[in-house]
N, C-alpha and C. Protein backbone atom coordinates (compact mmCIF):
# COMPACT_ATOMS: atom_id res chain seq x y z
N MET A 1 0.86 -1.15 0.00
CA MET A 1 0.00 0.00 0.00
C MET A 1 0.91 1.22 0.00
N ASP A 2 0.72 2.09 -0.97
CA ASP A 2 1.57 3.27 -1.11
C ASP A 2 3.05 2.89 -1.12
N LYS A 3 3.37 1.75 -1.71
CA LYS A 3 4.72 1.19 -1.82
C LYS A 3 5.33 0.81 -0.47
N LEU A 4 4.47 0.65 0.53
CA LEU A 4 4.91 0.24 1.87
C LEU A 4 4.37 -1.15 2.16
N LYS A 5 5.15 -1.94 2.84
CA LYS A 5 4.70 -3.26 3.27
C LYS A 5 3.63 -3.07 4.35
N PHE A 6 2.61 -3.91 4.35
CA PHE A 6 1.59 -3.79 5.39
C PHE A 6 1.06 -5.15 5.78
N ASP A 7 0.45 -5.19 6.95
CA ASP A 7 -0.24 -6.40 7.38
C ASP A 7 -1.61 -5.99 7.90
N LEU A 8 -2.45 -6.97 8.12
CA LEU A 8 -3.78 -6.72 8.66
C LEU A 8 -3.87 -7.27 10.07
N ARG A 9 -4.45 -6.49 10.94
CA ARG A 9 -4.76 -6.96 12.29
C ARG A 9 -6.28 -7.04 12.37
N LEU A 10 -6.77 -8.27 12.50
CA LEU A 10 -8.21 -8.52 12.56
C LEU A 10 -8.55 -9.10 13.92
N TYR A 11 -9.77 -8.87 14.34
CA TYR A 11 -10.20 -9.29 15.67
C TYR A 11 -11.29 -10.35 15.54
N VAL A 12 -11.03 -11.51 16.14
CA VAL A 12 -11.93 -12.66 16.06
C VAL A 12 -12.33 -13.05 17.47
N LEU A 13 -13.61 -13.31 17.65
CA LEU A 13 -14.14 -13.75 18.94
C LEU A 13 -14.70 -15.16 18.76
N VAL A 14 -14.24 -16.09 19.57
CA VAL A 14 -14.75 -17.45 19.57
C VAL A 14 -15.63 -17.59 20.80
N LEU A 15 -16.94 -17.80 20.59
CA LEU A 15 -17.88 -17.90 21.69
C LEU A 15 -18.17 -19.34 22.11
N GLY A 16 -17.87 -20.29 21.25
CA GLY A 16 -18.13 -21.67 21.60
C GLY A 16 -17.47 -22.60 20.60
N VAL A 17 -17.32 -23.87 21.03
CA VAL A 17 -16.69 -24.85 20.14
C VAL A 17 -17.63 -25.98 19.74
N ASN A 18 -18.73 -26.15 20.45
CA ASN A 18 -19.67 -27.21 20.10
C ASN A 18 -21.09 -26.70 20.28
N PRO A 19 -21.65 -26.04 19.30
CA PRO A 19 -21.11 -25.80 17.96
C PRO A 19 -20.08 -24.68 17.95
N LEU A 20 -19.25 -24.69 16.92
CA LEU A 20 -18.23 -23.66 16.75
C LEU A 20 -18.92 -22.35 16.39
N ARG A 21 -18.71 -21.33 17.22
CA ARG A 21 -19.30 -20.00 16.98
C ARG A 21 -18.18 -18.98 16.95
N ILE A 22 -17.99 -18.37 15.77
CA ILE A 22 -16.89 -17.45 15.52
C ILE A 22 -17.46 -16.14 15.00
N TYR A 23 -16.95 -15.04 15.53
CA TYR A 23 -17.35 -13.73 15.05
C TYR A 23 -16.11 -12.94 14.65
N LEU A 24 -16.17 -12.30 13.49
CA LEU A 24 -15.10 -11.44 13.00
C LEU A 24 -15.58 -10.00 13.09
N SER A 25 -14.80 -9.17 13.76
CA SER A 25 -15.16 -7.76 13.86
C SER A 25 -15.17 -7.12 12.47
N LYS A 26 -16.09 -6.20 12.26
CA LYS A 26 -16.15 -5.50 10.97
C LYS A 26 -15.01 -4.51 10.81
N GLU A 27 -14.34 -4.19 11.89
CA GLU A 27 -13.24 -3.25 11.82
C GLU A 27 -11.95 -3.93 12.24
N GLY A 28 -10.87 -3.44 11.71
CA GLY A 28 -9.54 -3.96 11.99
C GLY A 28 -8.55 -2.89 11.57
N LEU A 29 -7.28 -3.25 11.53
CA LEU A 29 -6.24 -2.30 11.19
C LEU A 29 -5.34 -2.83 10.09
N ALA A 30 -4.83 -1.92 9.29
CA ALA A 30 -3.70 -2.20 8.43
C ALA A 30 -2.53 -1.45 9.06
N ARG A 31 -1.45 -2.16 9.31
CA ARG A 31 -0.25 -1.54 9.88
C ARG A 31 0.80 -1.49 8.80
N LEU A 32 1.32 -0.31 8.54
CA LEU A 32 2.27 -0.11 7.45
C LEU A 32 3.68 0.12 7.97
N SER A 33 4.65 -0.34 7.19
CA SER A 33 6.05 -0.03 7.51
C SER A 33 6.28 1.45 7.22
N THR A 34 7.42 1.97 7.62
CA THR A 34 7.68 3.39 7.42
C THR A 34 8.67 3.67 6.31
N LYS A 35 9.25 2.63 5.73
CA LYS A 35 10.17 2.81 4.60
C LYS A 35 9.62 2.07 3.39
N GLN A 36 9.81 2.67 2.23
CA GLN A 36 9.34 2.06 0.98
C GLN A 36 9.97 0.68 0.82
N TYR A 37 9.13 -0.27 0.41
CA TYR A 37 9.59 -1.65 0.27
C TYR A 37 10.44 -1.82 -0.98
N ASP A 38 11.57 -2.47 -0.83
CA ASP A 38 12.42 -2.90 -1.94
C ASP A 38 12.66 -4.38 -1.77
N GLN A 39 12.90 -5.04 -2.88
CA GLN A 39 13.20 -6.47 -2.82
C GLN A 39 14.37 -6.71 -1.87
N VAL A 40 14.27 -7.78 -1.10
CA VAL A 40 15.31 -8.10 -0.13
C VAL A 40 16.64 -8.33 -0.84
N ASN A 41 17.68 -7.71 -0.29
CA ASN A 41 19.04 -7.92 -0.80
C ASN A 41 20.00 -7.81 0.38
N ASP A 42 21.30 -7.97 0.11
CA ASP A 42 22.29 -7.97 1.19
C ASP A 42 22.37 -6.64 1.93
N THR A 43 22.02 -5.54 1.28
CA THR A 43 22.16 -4.23 1.94
C THR A 43 20.94 -3.84 2.77
N ASN A 44 19.77 -4.38 2.45
CA ASN A 44 18.57 -3.97 3.21
C ASN A 44 17.98 -5.09 4.07
N LEU A 45 18.66 -6.21 4.12
CA LEU A 45 18.14 -7.38 4.82
C LEU A 45 17.79 -7.09 6.28
N THR A 46 18.55 -6.25 6.94
CA THR A 46 18.33 -5.98 8.37
C THR A 46 17.55 -4.69 8.61
N ASP A 47 17.00 -4.08 7.59
CA ASP A 47 16.25 -2.83 7.74
C ASP A 47 14.84 -3.15 8.26
N MET A 48 14.70 -3.14 9.58
CA MET A 48 13.44 -3.54 10.19
C MET A 48 12.29 -2.60 9.83
N GLN A 49 12.56 -1.32 9.62
CA GLN A 49 11.48 -0.38 9.31
C GLN A 49 10.99 -0.53 7.87
N MET A 50 11.67 -1.31 7.07
CA MET A 50 11.20 -1.62 5.73
C MET A 50 10.45 -2.95 5.72
N HIS A 51 10.98 -3.92 6.44
CA HIS A 51 10.46 -5.29 6.34
C HIS A 51 9.43 -5.66 7.40
N LEU A 52 9.34 -4.90 8.49
CA LEU A 52 8.39 -5.22 9.55
C LEU A 52 7.36 -4.11 9.69
N THR A 53 6.17 -4.48 10.09
CA THR A 53 5.09 -3.51 10.22
C THR A 53 4.74 -3.22 11.68
N ASN A 54 5.51 -3.77 12.60
CA ASN A 54 5.24 -3.59 14.03
C ASN A 54 5.26 -2.12 14.42
N TYR A 55 4.22 -1.71 15.13
CA TYR A 55 4.14 -0.34 15.64
C TYR A 55 5.33 -0.04 16.55
N SER A 56 5.71 -1.02 17.39
CA SER A 56 6.78 -0.80 18.36
C SER A 56 8.12 -0.51 17.68
N ILE A 57 8.29 -0.94 16.45
CA ILE A 57 9.51 -0.66 15.69
C ILE A 57 9.37 0.63 14.90
N ASN A 58 8.26 0.79 14.20
CA ASN A 58 8.11 1.91 13.29
C ASN A 58 7.81 3.24 13.97
N LYS A 59 7.31 3.23 15.19
CA LYS A 59 7.01 4.50 15.87
C LYS A 59 8.28 5.30 16.14
N HIS A 60 9.44 4.68 16.08
CA HIS A 60 10.71 5.37 16.30
C HIS A 60 11.29 5.97 15.02
N SER A 61 10.67 5.70 13.90
CA SER A 61 11.15 6.23 12.62
C SER A 61 10.82 7.71 12.49
N ASN A 62 11.72 8.47 11.88
CA ASN A 62 11.45 9.89 11.60
C ASN A 62 10.29 10.03 10.61
N GLN A 63 10.00 8.98 9.87
CA GLN A 63 8.94 9.02 8.86
C GLN A 63 7.59 8.57 9.41
N PHE A 64 7.54 8.12 10.65
CA PHE A 64 6.29 7.64 11.21
C PHE A 64 5.28 8.77 11.30
N GLU A 65 4.07 8.49 10.83
CA GLU A 65 3.00 9.48 10.86
C GLU A 65 1.79 8.88 11.57
N GLN A 66 1.39 9.53 12.64
CA GLN A 66 0.20 9.10 13.37
C GLN A 66 -1.03 9.40 12.51
N ASN A 67 -1.97 8.50 12.49
CA ASN A 67 -3.19 8.71 11.73
C ASN A 67 -4.29 9.10 12.69
N ARG A 68 -4.80 10.30 12.53
CA ARG A 68 -5.82 10.81 13.45
C ARG A 68 -7.24 10.38 13.07
N VAL A 69 -7.49 10.20 11.77
CA VAL A 69 -8.82 9.83 11.30
C VAL A 69 -8.65 8.60 10.40
N ALA A 70 -8.46 7.45 11.02
CA ALA A 70 -8.07 6.24 10.30
C ALA A 70 -9.08 5.81 9.24
N ILE A 71 -10.37 6.05 9.46
CA ILE A 71 -11.37 5.57 8.51
C ILE A 71 -11.35 6.38 7.23
N LEU A 72 -11.10 7.68 7.34
CA LEU A 72 -11.17 8.55 6.18
C LEU A 72 -9.81 8.85 5.56
N ASP A 73 -8.77 8.83 6.37
CA ASP A 73 -7.48 9.34 5.97
C ASP A 73 -6.70 8.33 5.13
N SER A 74 -5.94 8.85 4.18
CA SER A 74 -5.09 7.99 3.36
C SER A 74 -3.63 8.18 3.74
N THR A 75 -3.40 8.76 4.89
CA THR A 75 -2.03 8.94 5.36
C THR A 75 -1.89 8.25 6.70
N GLY A 76 -0.68 8.17 7.17
CA GLY A 76 -0.43 7.54 8.46
C GLY A 76 -0.04 6.09 8.30
N HIS A 77 0.52 5.54 9.35
CA HIS A 77 1.04 4.18 9.29
C HIS A 77 0.16 3.15 9.99
N LYS A 78 -1.02 3.57 10.41
CA LYS A 78 -2.08 2.65 10.83
C LYS A 78 -3.35 3.14 10.14
N ARG A 79 -4.00 2.25 9.42
CA ARG A 79 -5.22 2.63 8.70
C ARG A 79 -6.30 1.59 8.98
N SER A 80 -7.54 2.00 8.85
CA SER A 80 -8.64 1.10 9.17
C SER A 80 -8.78 0.01 8.11
N LEU A 81 -9.42 -1.08 8.49
CA LEU A 81 -9.74 -2.14 7.54
C LEU A 81 -10.66 -1.59 6.45
N LYS A 82 -11.63 -0.75 6.83
CA LYS A 82 -12.53 -0.17 5.82
C LYS A 82 -11.77 0.62 4.78
N TYR A 83 -10.82 1.45 5.25
CA TYR A 83 -10.01 2.21 4.29
C TYR A 83 -9.21 1.26 3.41
N THR A 84 -8.61 0.24 4.02
CA THR A 84 -7.76 -0.70 3.27
C THR A 84 -8.56 -1.43 2.20
N LEU A 85 -9.77 -1.86 2.52
CA LEU A 85 -10.60 -2.54 1.53
C LEU A 85 -11.00 -1.59 0.41
N ARG A 86 -11.28 -0.34 0.77
CA ARG A 86 -11.59 0.66 -0.26
C ARG A 86 -10.38 0.89 -1.16
N TYR A 87 -9.19 0.94 -0.57
CA TYR A 87 -7.94 1.08 -1.31
C TYR A 87 -7.78 -0.09 -2.28
N MET A 88 -8.00 -1.30 -1.78
CA MET A 88 -7.88 -2.50 -2.63
C MET A 88 -8.82 -2.41 -3.82
N ARG A 89 -10.04 -1.99 -3.57
CA ARG A 89 -11.05 -1.92 -4.62
C ARG A 89 -10.73 -0.83 -5.65
N LYS A 90 -10.33 0.35 -5.20
CA LYS A 90 -10.18 1.48 -6.10
C LYS A 90 -8.79 1.61 -6.71
N VAL A 91 -7.75 1.43 -5.92
CA VAL A 91 -6.39 1.67 -6.39
C VAL A 91 -5.80 0.43 -7.03
N VAL A 92 -5.93 -0.69 -6.36
CA VAL A 92 -5.33 -1.94 -6.84
C VAL A 92 -6.27 -2.64 -7.83
N LYS A 93 -7.54 -2.25 -7.83
CA LYS A 93 -8.57 -2.90 -8.64
C LYS A 93 -8.73 -4.36 -8.22
N GLY A 94 -8.55 -4.60 -6.92
CA GLY A 94 -8.69 -5.95 -6.39
C GLY A 94 -10.11 -6.22 -5.94
N ASP A 95 -10.42 -7.47 -5.80
CA ASP A 95 -11.75 -7.90 -5.36
C ASP A 95 -11.74 -8.00 -3.83
N ASP A 96 -12.12 -6.89 -3.19
CA ASP A 96 -12.07 -6.84 -1.73
C ASP A 96 -13.07 -7.79 -1.09
N GLU A 97 -14.18 -8.06 -1.75
CA GLU A 97 -15.16 -9.00 -1.20
C GLU A 97 -14.61 -10.42 -1.21
N LYS A 98 -13.92 -10.79 -2.28
CA LYS A 98 -13.29 -12.11 -2.33
C LYS A 98 -12.17 -12.20 -1.29
N LEU A 99 -11.42 -11.15 -1.12
CA LEU A 99 -10.38 -11.14 -0.11
C LEU A 99 -10.96 -11.42 1.26
N MET A 100 -12.06 -10.76 1.62
CA MET A 100 -12.67 -10.98 2.93
C MET A 100 -13.26 -12.39 3.04
N ARG A 101 -13.82 -12.92 1.95
CA ARG A 101 -14.32 -14.31 1.99
C ARG A 101 -13.16 -15.27 2.25
N ASP A 102 -12.03 -15.03 1.59
CA ASP A 102 -10.86 -15.90 1.78
C ASP A 102 -10.31 -15.78 3.20
N ILE A 103 -10.29 -14.56 3.73
CA ILE A 103 -9.82 -14.36 5.10
C ILE A 103 -10.73 -15.10 6.08
N LYS A 104 -12.04 -14.98 5.89
CA LYS A 104 -12.99 -15.68 6.77
C LYS A 104 -12.79 -17.19 6.69
N ASP A 105 -12.54 -17.70 5.49
CA ASP A 105 -12.30 -19.12 5.30
C ASP A 105 -11.06 -19.57 6.08
N ILE A 106 -10.01 -18.76 6.03
CA ILE A 106 -8.78 -19.08 6.76
C ILE A 106 -9.04 -19.07 8.27
N ILE A 107 -9.82 -18.11 8.74
CA ILE A 107 -10.14 -18.03 10.17
C ILE A 107 -10.89 -19.28 10.62
N VAL A 108 -11.89 -19.69 9.85
CA VAL A 108 -12.67 -20.88 10.20
C VAL A 108 -11.77 -22.11 10.22
N LYS A 109 -10.95 -22.28 9.19
CA LYS A 109 -10.06 -23.45 9.13
C LYS A 109 -9.05 -23.45 10.27
N THR A 110 -8.56 -22.26 10.62
CA THR A 110 -7.63 -22.17 11.74
C THR A 110 -8.32 -22.58 13.04
N CYS A 111 -9.54 -22.11 13.25
CA CYS A 111 -10.27 -22.48 14.47
C CYS A 111 -10.58 -23.97 14.49
N ILE A 112 -10.94 -24.52 13.35
CA ILE A 112 -11.22 -25.96 13.30
C ILE A 112 -9.96 -26.75 13.63
N SER A 113 -8.83 -26.33 13.08
CA SER A 113 -7.59 -27.08 13.35
C SER A 113 -7.17 -26.95 14.81
N GLY A 114 -7.60 -25.88 15.47
CA GLY A 114 -7.26 -25.69 16.87
C GLY A 114 -8.36 -26.11 17.82
N THR A 115 -9.36 -26.85 17.32
CA THR A 115 -10.50 -27.23 18.15
C THR A 115 -10.08 -27.96 19.43
N PRO A 116 -9.13 -28.90 19.41
CA PRO A 116 -8.75 -29.55 20.67
C PRO A 116 -8.29 -28.54 21.73
N ALA A 117 -7.48 -27.58 21.35
CA ALA A 117 -7.01 -26.57 22.31
C ALA A 117 -8.15 -25.64 22.72
N LEU A 118 -9.02 -25.31 21.77
CA LEU A 118 -10.16 -24.45 22.09
C LEU A 118 -11.10 -25.14 23.07
N LYS A 119 -11.30 -26.45 22.89
CA LYS A 119 -12.17 -27.19 23.82
C LYS A 119 -11.63 -27.10 25.23
N CYS A 120 -10.32 -27.21 25.39
CA CYS A 120 -9.73 -27.10 26.72
C CYS A 120 -9.91 -25.69 27.26
N ALA A 121 -9.80 -24.69 26.39
CA ALA A 121 -9.99 -23.31 26.84
C ALA A 121 -11.43 -23.09 27.35
N PHE A 122 -12.36 -23.85 26.79
CA PHE A 122 -13.77 -23.76 27.21
C PHE A 122 -14.11 -24.84 28.24
N ASN A 123 -13.07 -25.45 28.84
CA ASN A 123 -13.23 -26.50 29.85
C ASN A 123 -14.06 -27.68 29.33
N GLN A 124 -13.83 -28.06 28.07
CA GLN A 124 -14.53 -29.19 27.48
C GLN A 124 -13.57 -30.30 27.06
N CYS A 125 -12.38 -30.32 27.64
CA CYS A 125 -11.43 -31.36 27.23
C CYS A 125 -11.37 -32.49 28.25
């Protein structure tokens, strides 16, 4: 996004395992790095502000910009999921609805694969 590496932070609530009840928050975050992404090579391999999107690392960059209005703003290094999906649709010409369907599918499969541990968390093991 804007030539910066980013990741998505999504919030999932598991209310039960039998039956499996999962809720995905409609809002989340895109966390952006503070340096323009370049293909990994010997000179930039250790540049954490290019390759990592962690707030704890990037907040120390001179280029870090706090986003005051995450839903509307196209600047800053933390942006809303709504903004990110709009960006995908308009700028990248990506299918944001398919992206969210795929993300939901991954969440369900992850929860299913972790059902034994989830059962113990719900005192059902």
